[in-house]
Amino acid sequence: QADLDADIWGGAHPLEDRDEVHDIY
């Protein structure tokens, strides 16, 4: 959870705002 809360993802967060979500849309 600490990793998830860290501001280090830049569009590659495991659970949120992943680039591949746009393939769905």
mmCIF file of all heavy atoms, coordinates in Angstrom:
data_MODEL
# 
_entry.id   MODEL 
# 
loop_
_atom_site.group_PDB 
_atom_site.id 
_atom_site.type_symbol 
_atom_site.label_atom_id 
_atom_site.label_alt_id 
_atom_site.label_comp_id 
_atom_site.label_asym_id 
_atom_site.label_entity_id 
_atom_site.label_seq_id 
_atom_site.pdbx_PDB_ins_code 
_atom_site.Cartn_x 
_atom_site.Cartn_y 
_atom_site.Cartn_z 
_atom_site.occupancy 
_atom_site.B_iso_or_equiv 
_atom_site.pdbx_formal_charge 
_atom_site.auth_seq_id 
_atom_site.auth_comp_id 
_atom_site.auth_asym_id 
_atom_site.auth_atom_id 
_atom_site.pdbx_PDB_model_num 
ATOM 1   N N   . GLN A 1 1  ? 0.829   -1.205 0.000   1.00 0.00 ? 1  GLN A N   1 
ATOM 2   C CA  . GLN A 1 1  ? 0.000   0.000  0.000   1.00 0.00 ? 1  GLN A CA  1 
ATOM 3   C C   . GLN A 1 1  ? 0.860   1.250  0.000   1.00 0.00 ? 1  GLN A C   1 
ATOM 4   O O   . GLN A 1 1  ? 0.531   2.244  -0.651  1.00 0.00 ? 1  GLN A O   1 
ATOM 5   C CB  . GLN A 1 1  ? -0.936  0.006  1.211   1.00 0.00 ? 1  GLN A CB  1 
ATOM 6   C CG  . GLN A 1 1  ? -1.916  1.170  1.231   1.00 0.00 ? 1  GLN A CG  1 
ATOM 7   C CD  . GLN A 1 1  ? -2.881  1.138  0.058   1.00 0.00 ? 1  GLN A CD  1 
ATOM 8   O OE1 . GLN A 1 1  ? -3.459  0.108  -0.255  1.00 0.00 ? 1  GLN A OE1 1 
ATOM 9   N NE2 . GLN A 1 1  ? -3.065  2.288  -0.601  1.00 0.00 ? 1  GLN A NE2 1 
ATOM 10  N N   . ALA A 1 2  ? 1.958   1.211  0.718   1.00 0.00 ? 2  ALA A N   1 
ATOM 11  C CA  . ALA A 1 2  ? 2.869   2.365  0.717   1.00 0.00 ? 2  ALA A CA  1 
ATOM 12  C C   . ALA A 1 2  ? 3.397   2.628  -0.691  1.00 0.00 ? 2  ALA A C   1 
ATOM 13  O O   . ALA A 1 2  ? 3.537   3.782  -1.104  1.00 0.00 ? 2  ALA A O   1 
ATOM 14  C CB  . ALA A 1 2  ? 4.016   2.125  1.688   1.00 0.00 ? 2  ALA A CB  1 
ATOM 15  N N   . ASP A 1 3  ? 3.696   1.569  -1.424  1.00 0.00 ? 3  ASP A N   1 
ATOM 16  C CA  . ASP A 1 3  ? 4.135   1.744  -2.812  1.00 0.00 ? 3  ASP A CA  1 
ATOM 17  C C   . ASP A 1 3  ? 3.025   2.383  -3.645  1.00 0.00 ? 3  ASP A C   1 
ATOM 18  O O   . ASP A 1 3  ? 3.279   3.278  -4.454  1.00 0.00 ? 3  ASP A O   1 
ATOM 19  C CB  . ASP A 1 3  ? 4.520   0.396  -3.432  1.00 0.00 ? 3  ASP A CB  1 
ATOM 20  C CG  . ASP A 1 3  ? 5.784   -0.191 -2.833  1.00 0.00 ? 3  ASP A CG  1 
ATOM 21  O OD1 . ASP A 1 3  ? 6.624   0.588  -2.349  1.00 0.00 ? 3  ASP A OD1 1 
ATOM 22  O OD2 . ASP A 1 3  ? 5.913   -1.427 -2.836  1.00 0.00 ? 3  ASP A OD2 1 
ATOM 23  N N   . LEU A 1 4  ? 1.800   1.916  -3.470  1.00 0.00 ? 4  LEU A N   1 
ATOM 24  C CA  . LEU A 1 4  ? 0.683   2.462  -4.237  1.00 0.00 ? 4  LEU A CA  1 
ATOM 25  C C   . LEU A 1 4  ? 0.480   3.942  -3.941  1.00 0.00 ? 4  LEU A C   1 
ATOM 26  O O   . LEU A 1 4  ? 0.109   4.712  -4.833  1.00 0.00 ? 4  LEU A O   1 
ATOM 27  C CB  . LEU A 1 4  ? -0.605  1.702  -3.912  1.00 0.00 ? 4  LEU A CB  1 
ATOM 28  C CG  . LEU A 1 4  ? -0.691  0.242  -4.355  1.00 0.00 ? 4  LEU A CG  1 
ATOM 29  C CD1 . LEU A 1 4  ? -2.038  -0.347 -3.957  1.00 0.00 ? 4  LEU A CD1 1 
ATOM 30  C CD2 . LEU A 1 4  ? -0.472  0.093  -5.854  1.00 0.00 ? 4  LEU A CD2 1 
ATOM 31  N N   . ASP A 1 5  ? 0.712   4.325  -2.689  1.00 0.00 ? 5  ASP A N   1 
ATOM 32  C CA  . ASP A 1 5  ? 0.488   5.717  -2.295  1.00 0.00 ? 5  ASP A CA  1 
ATOM 33  C C   . ASP A 1 5  ? 1.625   6.637  -2.722  1.00 0.00 ? 5  ASP A C   1 
ATOM 34  O O   . ASP A 1 5  ? 1.462   7.863  -2.712  1.00 0.00 ? 5  ASP A O   1 
ATOM 35  C CB  . ASP A 1 5  ? 0.331   5.808  -0.772  1.00 0.00 ? 5  ASP A CB  1 
ATOM 36  C CG  . ASP A 1 5  ? -0.936  5.121  -0.281  1.00 0.00 ? 5  ASP A CG  1 
ATOM 37  O OD1 . ASP A 1 5  ? -1.847  4.912  -1.100  1.00 0.00 ? 5  ASP A OD1 1 
ATOM 38  O OD2 . ASP A 1 5  ? -0.993  4.789  0.923   1.00 0.00 ? 5  ASP A OD2 1 
ATOM 39  N N   . ALA A 1 6  ? 2.758   6.078  -3.097  1.00 0.00 ? 6  ALA A N   1 
ATOM 40  C CA  . ALA A 1 6  ? 3.910   6.898  -3.477  1.00 0.00 ? 6  ALA A CA  1 
ATOM 41  C C   . ALA A 1 6  ? 3.676   7.551  -4.833  1.00 0.00 ? 6  ALA A C   1 
ATOM 42  O O   . ALA A 1 6  ? 3.113   6.941  -5.752  1.00 0.00 ? 6  ALA A O   1 
ATOM 43  C CB  . ALA A 1 6  ? 5.172   6.037  -3.524  1.00 0.00 ? 6  ALA A CB  1 
ATOM 44  N N   . ASP A 1 7  ? 4.110   8.771  -4.964  1.00 0.00 ? 7  ASP A N   1 
ATOM 45  C CA  . ASP A 1 7  ? 3.922   9.529  -6.203  1.00 0.00 ? 7  ASP A CA  1 
ATOM 46  C C   . ASP A 1 7  ? 5.102   9.258  -7.146  1.00 0.00 ? 7  ASP A C   1 
ATOM 47  O O   . ASP A 1 7  ? 5.923   10.132 -7.419  1.00 0.00 ? 7  ASP A O   1 
ATOM 48  C CB  . ASP A 1 7  ? 3.810   11.020 -5.883  1.00 0.00 ? 7  ASP A CB  1 
ATOM 49  C CG  . ASP A 1 7  ? 3.461   11.857 -7.105  1.00 0.00 ? 7  ASP A CG  1 
ATOM 50  O OD1 . ASP A 1 7  ? 2.970   11.278 -8.098  1.00 0.00 ? 7  ASP A OD1 1 
ATOM 51  O OD2 . ASP A 1 7  ? 3.689   13.077 -7.071  1.00 0.00 ? 7  ASP A OD2 1 
ATOM 52  N N   . ILE A 1 8  ? 5.178   8.026  -7.628  1.00 0.00 ? 8  ILE A N   1 
ATOM 53  C CA  . ILE A 1 8  ? 6.345   7.625  -8.423  1.00 0.00 ? 8  ILE A CA  1 
ATOM 54  C C   . ILE A 1 8  ? 5.959   6.979  -9.750  1.00 0.00 ? 8  ILE A C   1 
ATOM 55  O O   . ILE A 1 8  ? 6.830   6.556  -10.504 1.00 0.00 ? 8  ILE A O   1 
ATOM 56  C CB  . ILE A 1 8  ? 7.218   6.621  -7.630  1.00 0.00 ? 8  ILE A CB  1 
ATOM 57  C CG1 . ILE A 1 8  ? 6.382   5.373  -7.295  1.00 0.00 ? 8  ILE A CG1 1 
ATOM 58  C CG2 . ILE A 1 8  ? 7.782   7.270  -6.378  1.00 0.00 ? 8  ILE A CG2 1 
ATOM 59  C CD1 . ILE A 1 8  ? 7.195   4.259  -6.635  1.00 0.00 ? 8  ILE A CD1 1 
ATOM 60  N N   . TRP A 1 9  ? 4.672   6.945  -10.051 1.00 0.00 ? 9  TRP A N   1 
ATOM 61  C CA  . TRP A 1 9  ? 4.231   6.045  -11.116 1.00 0.00 ? 9  TRP A CA  1 
ATOM 62  C C   . TRP A 1 9  ? 4.227   6.676  -12.495 1.00 0.00 ? 9  TRP A C   1 
ATOM 63  O O   . TRP A 1 9  ? 4.508   6.013  -13.495 1.00 0.00 ? 9  TRP A O   1 
ATOM 64  C CB  . TRP A 1 9  ? 2.850   5.487  -10.763 1.00 0.00 ? 9  TRP A CB  1 
ATOM 65  C CG  . TRP A 1 9  ? 2.892   4.678  -9.511  1.00 0.00 ? 9  TRP A CG  1 
ATOM 66  C CD1 . TRP A 1 9  ? 2.504   5.069  -8.258  1.00 0.00 ? 9  TRP A CD1 1 
ATOM 67  C CD2 . TRP A 1 9  ? 3.394   3.349  -9.359  1.00 0.00 ? 9  TRP A CD2 1 
ATOM 68  N NE1 . TRP A 1 9  ? 2.706   4.081  -7.338  1.00 0.00 ? 9  TRP A NE1 1 
ATOM 69  C CE2 . TRP A 1 9  ? 3.258   2.996  -7.986  1.00 0.00 ? 9  TRP A CE2 1 
ATOM 70  C CE3 . TRP A 1 9  ? 3.934   2.415  -10.247 1.00 0.00 ? 9  TRP A CE3 1 
ATOM 71  C CZ2 . TRP A 1 9  ? 3.643   1.762  -7.496  1.00 0.00 ? 9  TRP A CZ2 1 
ATOM 72  C CZ3 . TRP A 1 9  ? 4.321   1.180  -9.745  1.00 0.00 ? 9  TRP A CZ3 1 
ATOM 73  C CH2 . TRP A 1 9  ? 4.180   0.867  -8.393  1.00 0.00 ? 9  TRP A CH2 1 
ATOM 74  N N   . GLY A 1 10 ? 3.837   7.935  -12.602 1.00 0.00 ? 10 GLY A N   1 
ATOM 75  C CA  . GLY A 1 10 ? 3.894   8.601  -13.903 1.00 0.00 ? 10 GLY A CA  1 
ATOM 76  C C   . GLY A 1 10 ? 3.131   7.896  -15.007 1.00 0.00 ? 10 GLY A C   1 
ATOM 77  O O   . GLY A 1 10 ? 3.648   7.705  -16.109 1.00 0.00 ? 10 GLY A O   1 
ATOM 78  N N   . GLY A 1 11 ? 1.894   7.494  -14.726 1.00 0.00 ? 11 GLY A N   1 
ATOM 79  C CA  . GLY A 1 11 ? 1.078   6.833  -15.744 1.00 0.00 ? 11 GLY A CA  1 
ATOM 80  C C   . GLY A 1 11 ? 1.200   5.330  -15.738 1.00 0.00 ? 11 GLY A C   1 
ATOM 81  O O   . GLY A 1 11 ? 0.572   4.670  -16.570 1.00 0.00 ? 11 GLY A O   1 
ATOM 82  N N   . ALA A 1 12 ? 1.981   4.757  -14.830 1.00 0.00 ? 12 ALA A N   1 
ATOM 83  C CA  . ALA A 1 12 ? 2.145   3.308  -14.776 1.00 0.00 ? 12 ALA A CA  1 
ATOM 84  C C   . ALA A 1 12 ? 1.709   2.743  -13.428 1.00 0.00 ? 12 ALA A C   1 
ATOM 85  O O   . ALA A 1 12 ? 2.150   1.680  -13.018 1.00 0.00 ? 12 ALA A O   1 
ATOM 86  C CB  . ALA A 1 12 ? 3.602   2.936  -15.045 1.00 0.00 ? 12 ALA A CB  1 
ATOM 87  N N   . HIS A 1 13 ? 0.844   3.461  -12.711 1.00 0.00 ? 13 HIS A N   1 
ATOM 88  C CA  . HIS A 1 13 ? 0.338   2.980  -11.427 1.00 0.00 ? 13 HIS A CA  1 
ATOM 89  C C   . HIS A 1 13 ? -0.345  1.627  -11.635 1.00 0.00 ? 13 HIS A C   1 
ATOM 90  O O   . HIS A 1 13 ? -1.057  1.434  -12.617 1.00 0.00 ? 13 HIS A O   1 
ATOM 91  C CB  . HIS A 1 13 ? -0.657  3.993  -10.858 1.00 0.00 ? 13 HIS A CB  1 
ATOM 92  C CG  . HIS A 1 13 ? -1.046  3.742  -9.437  1.00 0.00 ? 13 HIS A CG  1 
ATOM 93  N ND1 . HIS A 1 13 ? -1.947  2.771  -9.068  1.00 0.00 ? 13 HIS A ND1 1 
ATOM 94  C CD2 . HIS A 1 13 ? -0.663  4.349  -8.277  1.00 0.00 ? 13 HIS A CD2 1 
ATOM 95  C CE1 . HIS A 1 13 ? -2.106  2.787  -7.760  1.00 0.00 ? 13 HIS A CE1 1 
ATOM 96  N NE2 . HIS A 1 13 ? -1.333  3.735  -7.253  1.00 0.00 ? 13 HIS A NE2 1 
ATOM 97  N N   . PRO A 1 14 ? -0.145  0.668  -10.736 1.00 0.00 ? 14 PRO A N   1 
ATOM 98  C CA  . PRO A 1 14 ? -0.732  -0.658 -10.946 1.00 0.00 ? 14 PRO A CA  1 
ATOM 99  C C   . PRO A 1 14 ? -2.259  -0.672 -11.046 1.00 0.00 ? 14 PRO A C   1 
ATOM 100 O O   . PRO A 1 14 ? -2.823  -1.538 -11.719 1.00 0.00 ? 14 PRO A O   1 
ATOM 101 C CB  . PRO A 1 14 ? -0.257  -1.439 -9.718  1.00 0.00 ? 14 PRO A CB  1 
ATOM 102 C CG  . PRO A 1 14 ? 0.993   -0.757 -9.291  1.00 0.00 ? 14 PRO A CG  1 
ATOM 103 C CD  . PRO A 1 14 ? 0.756   0.701  -9.575  1.00 0.00 ? 14 PRO A CD  1 
ATOM 104 N N   . LEU A 1 15 ? -2.930  0.272  -10.388 1.00 0.00 ? 15 LEU A N   1 
ATOM 105 C CA  . LEU A 1 15 ? -4.388  0.212  -10.296 1.00 0.00 ? 15 LEU A CA  1 
ATOM 106 C C   . LEU A 1 15 ? -5.111  1.401  -10.923 1.00 0.00 ? 15 LEU A C   1 
ATOM 107 O O   . LEU A 1 15 ? -6.327  1.322  -11.110 1.00 0.00 ? 15 LEU A O   1 
ATOM 108 C CB  . LEU A 1 15 ? -4.813  0.109  -8.821  1.00 0.00 ? 15 LEU A CB  1 
ATOM 109 C CG  . LEU A 1 15 ? -4.233  -1.051 -8.010  1.00 0.00 ? 15 LEU A CG  1 
ATOM 110 C CD1 . LEU A 1 15 ? -4.750  -0.997 -6.581  1.00 0.00 ? 15 LEU A CD1 1 
ATOM 111 C CD2 . LEU A 1 15 ? -4.564  -2.382 -8.652  1.00 0.00 ? 15 LEU A CD2 1 
ATOM 112 N N   . GLU A 1 16 ? -4.416  2.476  -11.229 1.00 0.00 ? 16 GLU A N   1 
ATOM 113 C CA  . GLU A 1 16 ? -5.104  3.700  -11.634 1.00 0.00 ? 16 GLU A CA  1 
ATOM 114 C C   . GLU A 1 16 ? -4.449  4.335  -12.857 1.00 0.00 ? 16 GLU A C   1 
ATOM 115 O O   . GLU A 1 16 ? -3.219  4.373  -12.965 1.00 0.00 ? 16 GLU A O   1 
ATOM 116 C CB  . GLU A 1 16 ? -5.081  4.720  -10.478 1.00 0.00 ? 16 GLU A CB  1 
ATOM 117 C CG  . GLU A 1 16 ? -5.782  4.259  -9.222  1.00 0.00 ? 16 GLU A CG  1 
ATOM 118 C CD  . GLU A 1 16 ? -5.652  5.258  -8.087  1.00 0.00 ? 16 GLU A CD  1 
ATOM 119 O OE1 . GLU A 1 16 ? -5.048  6.327  -8.318  1.00 0.00 ? 16 GLU A OE1 1 
ATOM 120 O OE2 . GLU A 1 16 ? -6.137  4.980  -6.979  1.00 0.00 ? 16 GLU A OE2 1 
ATOM 121 N N   . ASP A 1 17 ? -5.301  4.827  -13.760 1.00 0.00 ? 17 ASP A N   1 
ATOM 122 C CA  . ASP A 1 17 ? -4.872  5.685  -14.858 1.00 0.00 ? 17 ASP A CA  1 
ATOM 123 C C   . ASP A 1 17 ? -3.755  5.047  -15.688 1.00 0.00 ? 17 ASP A C   1 
ATOM 124 O O   . ASP A 1 17 ? -2.818  5.708  -16.108 1.00 0.00 ? 17 ASP A O   1 
ATOM 125 C CB  . ASP A 1 17 ? -4.417  7.051  -14.301 1.00 0.00 ? 17 ASP A CB  1 
ATOM 126 C CG  . ASP A 1 17 ? -4.220  8.084  -15.399 1.00 0.00 ? 17 ASP A CG  1 
ATOM 127 O OD1 . ASP A 1 17 ? -4.932  8.017  -16.418 1.00 0.00 ? 17 ASP A OD1 1 
ATOM 128 O OD2 . ASP A 1 17 ? -3.350  8.958  -15.234 1.00 0.00 ? 17 ASP A OD2 1 
ATOM 129 N N   . ARG A 1 18 ? -3.886  3.771  -15.939 1.00 0.00 ? 18 ARG A N   1 
ATOM 130 C CA  . ARG A 1 18 ? -2.907  3.096  -16.783 1.00 0.00 ? 18 ARG A CA  1 
ATOM 131 C C   . ARG A 1 18 ? -3.178  3.411  -18.256 1.00 0.00 ? 18 ARG A C   1 
ATOM 132 O O   . ARG A 1 18 ? -4.321  3.536  -18.681 1.00 0.00 ? 18 ARG A O   1 
ATOM 133 C CB  . ARG A 1 18 ? -2.939  1.582  -16.546 1.00 0.00 ? 18 ARG A CB  1 
ATOM 134 C CG  . ARG A 1 18 ? -2.520  1.212  -15.120 1.00 0.00 ? 18 ARG A CG  1 
ATOM 135 C CD  . ARG A 1 18 ? -2.417  -0.295 -14.945 1.00 0.00 ? 18 ARG A CD  1 
ATOM 136 N NE  . ARG A 1 18 ? -1.436  -0.883 -15.861 1.00 0.00 ? 18 ARG A NE  1 
ATOM 137 C CZ  . ARG A 1 18 ? -0.124  -0.836 -15.679 1.00 0.00 ? 18 ARG A CZ  1 
ATOM 138 N NH1 . ARG A 1 18 ? 0.376   -0.237 -14.599 1.00 0.00 ? 18 ARG A NH1 1 
ATOM 139 N NH2 . ARG A 1 18 ? 0.692   -1.394 -16.547 1.00 0.00 ? 18 ARG A NH2 1 
ATOM 140 N N   . ASP A 1 19 ? -2.122  3.504  -19.027 1.00 0.00 ? 19 ASP A N   1 
ATOM 141 C CA  . ASP A 1 19 ? -2.277  3.885  -20.424 1.00 0.00 ? 19 ASP A CA  1 
ATOM 142 C C   . ASP A 1 19 ? -3.197  2.936  -21.188 1.00 0.00 ? 19 ASP A C   1 
ATOM 143 O O   . ASP A 1 19 ? -3.942  3.362  -22.071 1.00 0.00 ? 19 ASP A O   1 
ATOM 144 C CB  . ASP A 1 19 ? -0.908  3.942  -21.108 1.00 0.00 ? 19 ASP A CB  1 
ATOM 145 C CG  . ASP A 1 19 ? -0.064  5.111  -20.620 1.00 0.00 ? 19 ASP A CG  1 
ATOM 146 O OD1 . ASP A 1 19 ? -0.638  6.050  -20.034 1.00 0.00 ? 19 ASP A OD1 1 
ATOM 147 O OD2 . ASP A 1 19 ? 1.167   5.078  -20.828 1.00 0.00 ? 19 ASP A OD2 1 
ATOM 148 N N   . GLU A 1 20 ? -3.158  1.643  -20.850 1.00 0.00 ? 20 GLU A N   1 
ATOM 149 C CA  . GLU A 1 20 ? -3.952  0.676  -21.620 1.00 0.00 ? 20 GLU A CA  1 
ATOM 150 C C   . GLU A 1 20 ? -5.453  0.800  -21.375 1.00 0.00 ? 20 GLU A C   1 
ATOM 151 O O   . GLU A 1 20 ? -6.252  0.186  -22.109 1.00 0.00 ? 20 GLU A O   1 
ATOM 152 C CB  . GLU A 1 20 ? -3.491  -0.750 -21.340 1.00 0.00 ? 20 GLU A CB  1 
ATOM 153 C CG  . GLU A 1 20 ? -3.540  -1.185 -19.896 1.00 0.00 ? 20 GLU A CG  1 
ATOM 154 C CD  . GLU A 1 20 ? -2.198  -1.040 -19.193 1.00 0.00 ? 20 GLU A CD  1 
ATOM 155 O OE1 . GLU A 1 20 ? -1.449  -0.079 -19.498 1.00 0.00 ? 20 GLU A OE1 1 
ATOM 156 O OE2 . GLU A 1 20 ? -1.897  -1.883 -18.323 1.00 0.00 ? 20 GLU A OE2 1 
ATOM 157 N N   . VAL A 1 21 ? -5.855  1.604  -20.363 1.00 0.00 ? 21 VAL A N   1 
ATOM 158 C CA  . VAL A 1 21 ? -7.296  1.789  -20.188 1.00 0.00 ? 21 VAL A CA  1 
ATOM 159 C C   . VAL A 1 21 ? -7.912  2.437  -21.418 1.00 0.00 ? 21 VAL A C   1 
ATOM 160 O O   . VAL A 1 21 ? -9.100  2.233  -21.732 1.00 0.00 ? 21 VAL A O   1 
ATOM 161 C CB  . VAL A 1 21 ? -7.592  2.613  -18.907 1.00 0.00 ? 21 VAL A CB  1 
ATOM 162 C CG1 . VAL A 1 21 ? -7.316  4.098  -19.114 1.00 0.00 ? 21 VAL A CG1 1 
ATOM 163 C CG2 . VAL A 1 21 ? -9.032  2.418  -18.451 1.00 0.00 ? 21 VAL A CG2 1 
ATOM 164 N N   . HIS A 1 22 ? -7.119  3.199  -22.152 1.00 0.00 ? 22 HIS A N   1 
ATOM 165 C CA  . HIS A 1 22 ? -7.655  3.890  -23.321 1.00 0.00 ? 22 HIS A CA  1 
ATOM 166 C C   . HIS A 1 22 ? -7.917  2.954  -24.493 1.00 0.00 ? 22 HIS A C   1 
ATOM 167 O O   . HIS A 1 22 ? -8.683  3.300  -25.402 1.00 0.00 ? 22 HIS A O   1 
ATOM 168 C CB  . HIS A 1 22 ? -6.741  5.049  -23.699 1.00 0.00 ? 22 HIS A CB  1 
ATOM 169 C CG  . HIS A 1 22 ? -6.588  6.034  -22.573 1.00 0.00 ? 22 HIS A CG  1 
ATOM 170 N ND1 . HIS A 1 22 ? -7.620  6.864  -22.180 1.00 0.00 ? 22 HIS A ND1 1 
ATOM 171 C CD2 . HIS A 1 22 ? -5.563  6.278  -21.708 1.00 0.00 ? 22 HIS A CD2 1 
ATOM 172 C CE1 . HIS A 1 22 ? -7.230  7.590  -21.135 1.00 0.00 ? 22 HIS A CE1 1 
ATOM 173 N NE2 . HIS A 1 22 ? -5.985  7.249  -20.836 1.00 0.00 ? 22 HIS A NE2 1 
ATOM 174 N N   . ASP A 1 23 ? -7.330  1.752  -24.469 1.00 0.00 ? 23 ASP A N   1 
ATOM 175 C CA  . ASP A 1 23 ? -7.697  0.752  -25.472 1.00 0.00 ? 23 ASP A CA  1 
ATOM 176 C C   . ASP A 1 23 ? -9.170  0.382  -25.324 1.00 0.00 ? 23 ASP A C   1 
ATOM 177 O O   . ASP A 1 23 ? -9.875  0.157  -26.319 1.00 0.00 ? 23 ASP A O   1 
ATOM 178 C CB  . ASP A 1 23 ? -6.834  -0.505 -25.315 1.00 0.00 ? 23 ASP A CB  1 
ATOM 179 C CG  . ASP A 1 23 ? -5.368  -0.255 -25.597 1.00 0.00 ? 23 ASP A CG  1 
ATOM 180 O OD1 . ASP A 1 23 ? -5.054  0.726  -26.307 1.00 0.00 ? 23 ASP A OD1 1 
ATOM 181 O OD2 . ASP A 1 23 ? -4.527  -1.048 -25.104 1.00 0.00 ? 23 ASP A OD2 1 
ATOM 182 N N   . ILE A 1 24 ? -9.632  0.307  -24.080 1.00 0.00 ? 24 ILE A N   1 
ATOM 183 C CA  . ILE A 1 24 ? -11.040 -0.001 -23.820 1.00 0.00 ? 24 ILE A CA  1 
ATOM 184 C C   . ILE A 1 24 ? -11.930 1.093  -24.390 1.00 0.00 ? 24 ILE A C   1 
ATOM 185 O O   . ILE A 1 24 ? -12.930 0.818  -25.084 1.00 0.00 ? 24 ILE A O   1 
ATOM 186 C CB  . ILE A 1 24 ? -11.276 -0.152 -22.310 1.00 0.00 ? 24 ILE A CB  1 
ATOM 187 C CG1 . ILE A 1 24 ? -10.449 -1.314 -21.743 1.00 0.00 ? 24 ILE A CG1 1 
ATOM 188 C CG2 . ILE A 1 24 ? -12.765 -0.325 -21.996 1.00 0.00 ? 24 ILE A CG2 1 
ATOM 189 C CD1 . ILE A 1 24 ? -10.380 -1.342 -20.224 1.00 0.00 ? 24 ILE A CD1 1 
ATOM 190 N N   . TYR A 1 25 ? -11.560 2.348  -24.138 1.00 0.00 ? 25 TYR A N   1 
ATOM 191 C CA  . TYR A 1 25 ? -12.433 3.451  -24.543 1.00 0.00 ? 25 TYR A CA  1 
ATOM 192 C C   . TYR A 1 25 ? -12.385 3.700  -26.047 1.00 0.00 ? 25 TYR A C   1 
ATOM 193 O O   . TYR A 1 25 ? -13.368 4.182  -26.621 1.00 0.00 ? 25 TYR A O   1 
ATOM 194 C CB  . TYR A 1 25 ? -12.087 4.702  -23.736 1.00 0.00 ? 25 TYR A CB  1 
ATOM 195 C CG  . TYR A 1 25 ? -12.285 4.469  -22.249 1.00 0.00 ? 25 TYR A CG  1 
ATOM 196 C CD1 . TYR A 1 25 ? -11.358 4.911  -21.310 1.00 0.00 ? 25 TYR A CD1 1 
ATOM 197 C CD2 . TYR A 1 25 ? -13.395 3.758  -21.788 1.00 0.00 ? 25 TYR A CD2 1 
ATOM 198 C CE1 . TYR A 1 25 ? -11.535 4.666  -19.961 1.00 0.00 ? 25 TYR A CE1 1 
ATOM 199 C CE2 . TYR A 1 25 ? -13.582 3.509  -20.444 1.00 0.00 ? 25 TYR A CE2 1 
ATOM 200 C CZ  . TYR A 1 25 ? -12.658 3.955  -19.529 1.00 0.00 ? 25 TYR A CZ  1 
ATOM 201 O OH  . TYR A 1 25 ? -12.849 3.701  -18.198 1.00 0.00 ? 25 TYR A OH  1 
# 
